[in-house]
Amino acid sequence: MEVLALTILVSLVLAIIFLVCFTCEVIKPRKNSLEHTSLLPLDDDPTPPAKSAKN
């Protein structure tokens, strides 16, 4: 019985962590949609990094 209580406790903690992370992600303002952000790693033509002003 103690193992069942421990399993339920761990499951509840993981569910709460998921809900907090999901809520933070939904509330966070962004310039692009979630779909655009999730597809960025698949972009074939990444923008080149800005060159520094060092000579």
Protein backbone atom coordinates (compact mmCIF):
# COMPACT_ATOMS: atom_id res chain seq x y z
CA MET A 1 0.00 0.00 0.00
CA GLU A 2 2.86 2.38 0.70
CA VAL A 3 4.15 1.90 -2.83
CA LEU A 4 0.75 2.86 -4.24
CA ALA A 5 0.68 6.05 -2.16
CA LEU A 6 4.21 6.90 -3.29
CA THR A 7 3.30 6.30 -6.93
CA ILE A 8 0.25 8.54 -6.66
CA LEU A 9 2.31 11.26 -4.95
CA VAL A 10 4.98 11.18 -7.68
CA SER A 11 2.31 11.23 -10.38
CA LEU A 12 0.62 14.26 -8.82
CA VAL A 13 3.92 16.11 -8.54
CA LEU A 14 4.73 15.42 -12.19
CA ALA A 15 1.24 16.52 -13.26
CA ILE A 16 1.58 19.77 -11.30
CA ILE A 17 5.00 20.45 -12.86
CA PHE A 18 3.52 19.85 -16.32
CA LEU A 19 0.58 22.19 -15.66
CA VAL A 20 2.85 24.96 -14.36
CA CYS A 21 5.20 24.69 -17.36
CA PHE A 22 2.29 24.53 -19.82
CA THR A 23 0.59 27.56 -18.27
CA CYS A 24 3.83 29.57 -18.32
CA GLU A 25 4.36 28.68 -21.98
CA VAL A 26 0.82 29.68 -22.96
CA ILE A 27 0.91 32.98 -21.05
CA LYS A 28 4.36 34.02 -22.32
CA PRO A 29 4.06 36.65 -25.06
CA ARG A 30 5.82 35.78 -28.32
CA LYS A 31 6.29 37.29 -31.74
CA ASN A 32 5.73 34.02 -33.61
CA SER A 33 3.21 31.23 -33.24
CA LEU A 34 4.07 27.99 -31.44
CA GLU A 35 4.08 26.14 -34.75
CA HIS A 36 6.67 28.51 -36.23
CA THR A 37 8.89 28.24 -33.16
CA SER A 38 8.70 24.44 -33.13
CA LEU A 39 9.75 24.24 -36.79
CA LEU A 40 12.81 26.51 -36.47
CA PRO A 41 15.26 23.59 -35.96
CA LEU A 42 14.19 22.25 -39.38
CA ASP A 43 14.95 25.50 -41.19
CA ASP A 44 17.25 24.79 -44.17
CA ASP A 45 18.54 28.34 -44.56
CA PRO A 46 19.44 29.76 -41.15
CA THR A 47 20.29 33.43 -41.02
CA PRO A 48 24.04 34.04 -40.80
CA PRO A 49 25.32 35.26 -37.43
CA ALA A 50 26.00 38.97 -37.12
CA LYS A 51 29.62 39.89 -37.72
CA SER A 52 31.42 41.61 -34.88
CA ALA A 53 32.94 45.07 -35.32
CA LYS A 54 36.44 43.87 -34.35
CA ASN A 55 39.21 44.57 -36.89
